Amino acid sequence: MKRGYDDESGSYSGAPPPPPSSRPRLDPTGVQQFLEEESTLARKVADHYSARTNQTLEEREASPIIHLKKLNNWIKSVLIQLFTRRGDAVLDLACGKGGDLIKWDKAKVGYYVGIDIAEGSVEDCRTRYNGDADQNQRRKKFTFPARLFCGDCFQAGLDKALEDDAPFDLCSCQFAMHYSWSTEARARQALANVSALLRPGGTFIGTMPNANVIIKKLREAEGLAFGNSVYWIRFDEEFAYKKFKSSSPFGIKYKFHLEVHINAGSASNVLRLSPSFKMVKVPLHC
């Protein structure tokens, strides 16, 4: 049984996961399994996050955005605790380095599948799950079995690849769904994956930048950039008129920089206009 609870009764069995030596690790055949037809933006996103180095606890606390990080973690913790039930099977789209594993463990999930486009992040997530993190980082033994994949979960259909894992009780996508809005096809694929992999009555939770706030700040700025001492956002010249059509909500890209630590890099983001969820109609099965 893949999950830590009885499928018929839905109750948590409390069965421990396999020992660290035999815990599910990154499936070598899964690396770049979904990246065969990736877009240029997707590749840039993957390279950016793979290149990010891990911070020690001391470096993290000294970060100029430590309070923002704690706020983001609090938001995710609240969402997970509100909507996750004991023993749930969870699909984590854009799981990153596994920073939310502790949150899922506290929610006592029964099974976990994480997917991320950045191979380096997936490897870090595997290391964290197996309790092999660097001595300067938190070490934690997790009580749920897990599988990890490297791939673009907004480009390809995941129903076949995760056929043995589905259906999921809950799907989560934290601070990443806006990347799928680079094209309508990617946005549709992202929502179709969520719909196809959730059980009937399943739950989707997620967080993303507020497009209304970003557009408001852009229009208040003198040029095409705005920010402060820890972040900046810059739009290309094609948006010089600062007008955005509700009929064309896809592919609105901007450059985003966050001063995580010294020599922090920049990432290309995609603006997700608020009305577009209503405009993109995908058959839902949950």
Protein backbone atom coordinates (compact mmCIF):
# COMPACT_ATOMS: atom_id res chain seq x y z
CA MET A 1 0.00 0.00 0.00
CA LYS A 2 1.57 3.29 -1.07
CA ARG A 3 -0.19 5.47 1.50
CA GLY A 4 -0.01 5.48 5.28
CA TYR A 5 -3.72 4.91 5.72
CA ASP A 6 -6.40 2.38 4.89
CA ASP A 7 -7.83 3.11 1.43
CA GLU A 8 -11.25 1.72 2.32
CA SER A 9 -11.78 3.41 5.65
CA GLY A 10 -9.66 6.48 4.96
CA SER A 11 -8.14 6.24 8.43
CA TYR A 12 -4.45 6.77 9.08
CA SER A 13 -2.63 3.53 9.82
CA GLY A 14 0.41 5.16 11.38
CA ALA A 15 2.68 2.71 9.55
CA PRO A 16 6.22 4.11 9.41
CA PRO A 17 7.95 4.66 6.05
CA PRO A 18 10.81 2.41 4.94
CA PRO A 19 14.15 2.96 6.68
CA PRO A 20 16.38 5.69 5.20
CA SER A 21 18.44 3.20 3.18
CA SER A 22 15.39 2.02 1.26
CA ARG A 23 13.29 5.15 1.22
CA PRO A 24 12.05 6.18 -2.21
CA ARG A 25 14.69 8.31 -3.87
CA LEU A 26 14.86 10.30 -7.07
CA ASP A 27 13.97 7.93 -9.87
CA PRO A 28 16.85 8.17 -12.41
CA THR A 29 14.43 7.48 -15.26
CA GLY A 30 12.31 10.39 -14.09
CA VAL A 31 15.02 13.03 -14.44
CA GLN A 32 13.99 15.38 -17.25
CA GLN A 33 11.25 12.93 -18.13
CA PHE A 34 8.87 15.81 -18.78
CA LEU A 35 11.41 18.29 -20.19
CA GLU A 36 11.61 17.05 -23.76
CA GLU A 37 9.48 19.88 -25.16
CA GLU A 38 10.26 22.57 -22.61
CA SER A 39 10.00 26.26 -23.45
CA THR A 40 12.83 28.78 -23.23
CA LEU A 41 11.28 30.41 -20.17
CA ALA A 42 10.91 27.04 -18.46
CA ARG A 43 14.58 26.30 -19.08
CA LYS A 44 15.61 29.66 -17.64
CA VAL A 45 13.47 29.07 -14.57
CA ALA A 46 14.98 25.60 -14.08
CA ASP A 47 18.54 26.89 -14.46
CA HIS A 48 17.90 29.77 -12.06
CA TYR A 49 16.57 27.60 -9.25
CA SER A 50 19.13 24.83 -9.81
CA ALA A 51 21.91 27.39 -9.45
CA ARG A 52 20.66 28.67 -6.10
CA THR A 53 22.87 27.53 -3.23
CA ASN A 54 21.63 26.32 0.13
CA GLN A 55 21.99 28.65 3.10
CA THR A 56 23.08 27.74 6.59
CA LEU A 57 20.68 28.59 9.41
CA GLU A 58 22.93 31.51 10.36
CA GLU A 59 22.93 32.87 6.80
CA ARG A 60 19.18 32.46 6.58
CA GLU A 61 18.57 34.45 9.77
CA ALA A 62 20.92 37.18 8.51
CA SER A 63 19.08 37.49 5.18
CA PRO A 64 17.60 40.93 4.46
CA ILE A 65 14.30 39.24 3.61
CA ILE A 66 14.08 36.86 6.57
CA HIS A 67 10.76 38.39 7.66
CA LEU A 68 9.32 37.93 4.17
CA LYS A 69 10.45 34.30 4.19
CA LYS A 70 8.80 33.74 7.55
CA LEU A 71 5.59 35.37 6.31
CA ASN A 72 5.55 33.16 3.22
CA ASN A 73 6.16 30.08 5.33
CA TRP A 74 3.38 31.10 7.71
CA ILE A 75 0.95 31.50 4.80
CA LYS A 76 1.83 28.06 3.46
CA SER A 77 1.62 26.50 6.92
CA VAL A 78 -1.87 27.91 7.45
CA LEU A 79 -3.07 26.65 4.06
CA ILE A 80 -1.64 23.18 4.67
CA GLN A 81 -3.09 22.90 8.17
CA LEU A 82 -6.50 24.19 7.08
CA PHE A 83 -7.01 21.92 4.09
CA THR A 84 -4.92 18.79 4.72
CA ARG A 85 -6.43 15.80 6.49
CA ARG A 86 -4.52 13.14 8.37
CA GLY A 87 -3.36 10.45 5.94
CA ASP A 88 -3.92 12.49 2.75
CA ALA A 89 -2.03 11.64 -0.42
CA VAL A 90 -0.40 14.90 -1.56
CA LEU A 91 0.88 16.07 -4.95
CA ASP A 92 3.27 19.02 -4.62
CA LEU A 93 3.76 20.79 -7.96
CA ALA A 94 6.98 22.87 -8.08
CA CYS A 95 8.13 21.35 -4.78
CA GLY A 96 11.52 23.08 -4.93
CA LYS A 97 14.15 22.00 -2.43
CA GLY A 98 11.58 20.43 -0.12
CA GLY A 99 11.19 23.38 2.19
CA ASP A 100 7.61 22.37 2.95
CA LEU A 101 8.36 18.75 3.90
CA ILE A 102 8.21 19.62 7.60
CA LYS A 103 4.83 21.27 7.08
CA TRP A 104 3.46 18.14 5.39
CA ASP A 105 4.91 15.99 8.16
CA LYS A 106 3.20 18.07 10.82
CA ALA A 107 -0.07 17.63 8.91
CA LYS A 108 0.53 13.84 9.11
CA VAL A 109 0.07 13.16 5.41
CA GLY A 110 0.10 9.53 4.31
CA TYR A 111 1.92 9.83 0.98
CA TYR A 112 3.81 12.55 -0.90
CA VAL A 113 4.81 13.09 -4.54
CA GLY A 114 6.91 16.13 -5.42
CA ILE A 115 7.70 17.44 -8.90
CA ASP A 116 9.99 20.32 -9.83
CA ILE A 117 11.53 21.58 -13.06
CA ALA A 118 14.96 22.20 -11.48
CA GLU A 119 17.02 19.03 -11.18
CA GLY A 120 19.26 20.58 -8.54
CA SER A 121 16.25 21.43 -6.40
CA VAL A 122 14.85 17.91 -6.71
CA GLU A 123 18.18 16.47 -5.61
CA ASP A 124 18.23 18.82 -2.62
CA CYS A 125 14.68 17.75 -1.79
CA ARG A 126 15.71 14.09 -1.94
CA THR A 127 18.68 14.81 0.34
CA ARG A 128 16.47 16.64 2.81
CA TYR A 129 13.86 13.87 2.81
CA ASN A 130 16.48 11.19 3.46
CA GLY A 131 17.89 13.15 6.38
CA ASP A 132 21.25 13.66 4.67
CA ALA A 133 21.23 17.47 4.83
CA ASP A 134 24.39 19.39 5.59
CA GLN A 135 25.27 19.69 9.27
CA ASN A 136 24.50 23.41 9.12
CA GLN A 137 20.94 22.73 7.99
CA ARG A 138 17.98 21.23 9.80
CA ARG A 139 17.88 17.45 9.81
CA LYS A 140 14.55 15.71 9.99
CA LYS A 141 13.29 12.16 9.63
CA PHE A 142 9.94 12.12 7.90
CA THR A 143 7.09 9.76 8.67
CA PHE A 144 5.55 9.47 5.20
CA PRO A 145 6.72 7.62 2.05
CA ALA A 146 7.53 9.84 -0.93
CA ARG A 147 8.47 9.91 -4.60
CA LEU A 148 10.25 12.74 -6.41
CA PHE A 149 10.39 13.64 -10.09
CA CYS A 150 12.19 16.25 -12.17
CA GLY A 151 10.02 17.76 -14.88
CA ASP A 152 7.94 20.64 -16.18
CA CYS A 153 4.53 20.00 -14.66
CA PHE A 154 3.00 22.78 -16.78
CA GLN A 155 4.20 21.41 -20.13
CA ALA A 156 3.26 17.73 -20.16
CA GLY A 157 0.31 15.67 -19.02
CA LEU A 158 1.15 13.93 -15.75
CA ASP A 159 -1.72 11.46 -15.57
CA LYS A 160 0.22 8.64 -17.26
CA ALA A 161 3.49 9.28 -15.41
CA LEU A 162 1.69 9.31 -12.05
CA GLU A 163 -0.83 6.62 -12.88
CA ASP A 164 0.36 4.42 -10.01
CA ASP A 165 0.25 7.32 -7.53
CA ALA A 166 -3.10 8.94 -8.34
CA PRO A 167 -5.64 9.89 -7.27
CA PHE A 168 -4.45 12.49 -4.79
CA ASP A 169 -6.49 13.97 -1.97
CA LEU A 170 -4.76 17.32 -2.19
CA CYS A 171 -2.64 19.16 -4.77
CA SER A 172 -0.45 22.10 -3.80
CA CYS A 173 1.40 24.64 -5.95
CA GLN A 174 3.15 27.31 -3.89
CA PHE A 175 4.49 30.50 -5.51
CA ALA A 176 4.80 28.84 -8.93
CA MET A 177 1.47 28.59 -10.76
CA HIS A 178 2.05 31.96 -12.46
CA TYR A 179 4.92 30.39 -14.43
CA SER A 180 2.32 28.40 -16.36
CA TRP A 181 0.73 31.61 -17.65
CA SER A 182 3.48 32.11 -20.26
CA THR A 183 1.04 30.65 -22.82
CA GLU A 184 -2.59 29.62 -22.78
CA ALA A 185 -1.57 26.05 -23.63
CA ARG A 186 0.66 25.83 -20.54
CA ALA A 187 -2.02 27.34 -18.31
CA ARG A 188 -4.57 24.84 -19.59
CA GLN A 189 -2.11 21.97 -19.08
CA ALA A 190 -1.41 23.06 -15.51
CA LEU A 191 -5.10 23.12 -14.62
CA ALA A 192 -5.75 19.90 -16.54
CA ASN A 193 -3.04 18.12 -14.53
CA VAL A 194 -4.58 19.27 -11.26
CA SER A 195 -8.02 18.15 -12.39
CA ALA A 196 -6.87 14.77 -13.71
CA LEU A 197 -4.84 13.80 -10.65
CA LEU A 198 -7.18 14.89 -7.85
CA ARG A 199 -9.78 12.47 -6.57
CA PRO A 200 -13.46 13.53 -6.79
CA GLY A 201 -13.90 16.16 -4.10
CA GLY A 202 -10.14 16.69 -3.81
CA THR A 203 -8.60 20.02 -2.85
CA PHE A 204 -6.19 22.37 -4.63
CA ILE A 205 -4.26 24.99 -2.66
CA GLY A 206 -1.78 27.52 -4.01
CA THR A 207 -0.21 30.95 -3.73
CA MET A 208 1.00 33.38 -6.38
CA PRO A 209 1.83 37.08 -6.88
CA ASN A 210 -1.11 39.51 -6.95
CA ALA A 211 -1.33 40.84 -10.52
CA ASN A 212 -3.51 43.78 -9.48
CA VAL A 213 -0.88 45.04 -7.03
CA ILE A 214 1.95 44.63 -9.56
CA ILE A 215 0.07 46.49 -12.30
CA LYS A 216 -0.89 49.26 -9.87
CA LYS A 217 2.73 49.77 -8.83
CA LEU A 218 3.86 49.71 -12.47
CA ARG A 219 1.39 52.43 -13.42
CA GLU A 220 2.45 54.54 -10.44
CA ALA A 221 6.14 54.26 -11.42
CA GLU A 222 7.78 56.81 -13.73
CA GLY A 223 9.32 54.14 -15.93
CA LEU A 224 8.94 50.41 -16.39
CA ALA A 225 10.61 49.41 -13.12
CA PHE A 226 9.83 49.77 -9.44
CA GLY A 227 10.99 48.30 -6.14
CA ASN A 228 12.96 49.08 -3.00
CA SER A 229 16.18 48.06 -1.26
CA VAL A 230 15.40 44.33 -1.33
CA TYR A 231 13.52 43.79 -4.59
CA TRP A 232 12.81 45.21 -8.02
CA ILE A 233 10.46 44.38 -10.89
CA ARG A 234 11.11 45.48 -14.47
CA PHE A 235 8.89 45.17 -17.54
CA ASP A 236 10.12 45.21 -21.15
CA GLU A 237 9.49 48.06 -23.58
CA GLU A 238 6.58 46.22 -25.16
CA PHE A 239 4.57 47.21 -22.09
CA ALA A 240 5.55 50.89 -22.27
CA TYR A 241 1.90 51.96 -22.46
CA LYS A 242 1.18 49.98 -19.27
CA LYS A 243 -2.04 48.66 -20.71
CA PHE A 244 -3.07 45.02 -20.46
CA LYS A 245 -6.00 43.49 -22.31
CA SER A 246 -8.20 41.12 -20.35
CA SER A 247 -8.67 39.21 -23.61
CA SER A 248 -4.91 38.48 -23.74
CA PRO A 249 -3.93 37.48 -20.19
CA PHE A 250 -1.04 35.18 -21.13
CA GLY A 251 2.67 35.79 -21.73
CA ILE A 252 2.93 39.03 -19.74
CA LYS A 253 6.51 38.60 -18.56
CA TYR A 254 8.56 40.70 -16.18
CA LYS A 255 11.99 40.50 -14.56
CA PHE A 256 11.99 39.99 -10.81
CA HIS A 257 14.95 40.35 -8.44
CA LEU A 258 14.93 39.58 -4.73
CA GLU A 259 17.92 40.33 -2.51
CA VAL A 260 18.00 36.93 -0.82
CA HIS A 261 21.69 37.29 -0.03
CA ILE A 262 24.81 38.77 -1.57
CA ASN A 263 25.08 38.12 -5.33
CA ALA A 264 21.50 36.93 -5.53
CA GLY A 265 20.25 36.23 -9.03
CA SER A 266 17.18 37.37 -10.94
CA ALA A 267 14.33 35.35 -12.36
CA SER A 268 11.86 35.90 -15.19
CA ASN A 269 8.28 35.74 -13.96
CA VAL A 270 4.96 35.69 -15.74
CA LEU A 271 2.08 37.90 -14.67
CA ARG A 272 -1.15 36.04 -14.11
CA LEU A 273 -4.04 38.43 -14.60
CA SER A 274 -6.77 37.76 -12.06
CA PRO A 275 -9.69 37.27 -14.51
CA SER A 276 -7.88 34.59 -16.50
CA PHE A 277 -8.84 31.72 -14.19
CA LYS A 278 -12.43 32.39 -15.22
CA MET A 279 -11.48 32.68 -18.88
CA VAL A 280 -9.59 29.38 -19.06
CA LYS A 281 -12.18 26.65 -18.99
CA VAL A 282 -10.84 23.18 -18.27
CA PRO A 283 -13.15 20.20 -17.63
CA LEU A 284 -12.90 19.43 -13.92
CA HIS A 285 -13.34 15.92 -12.59
CA CYS A 286 -13.22 16.65 -8.89
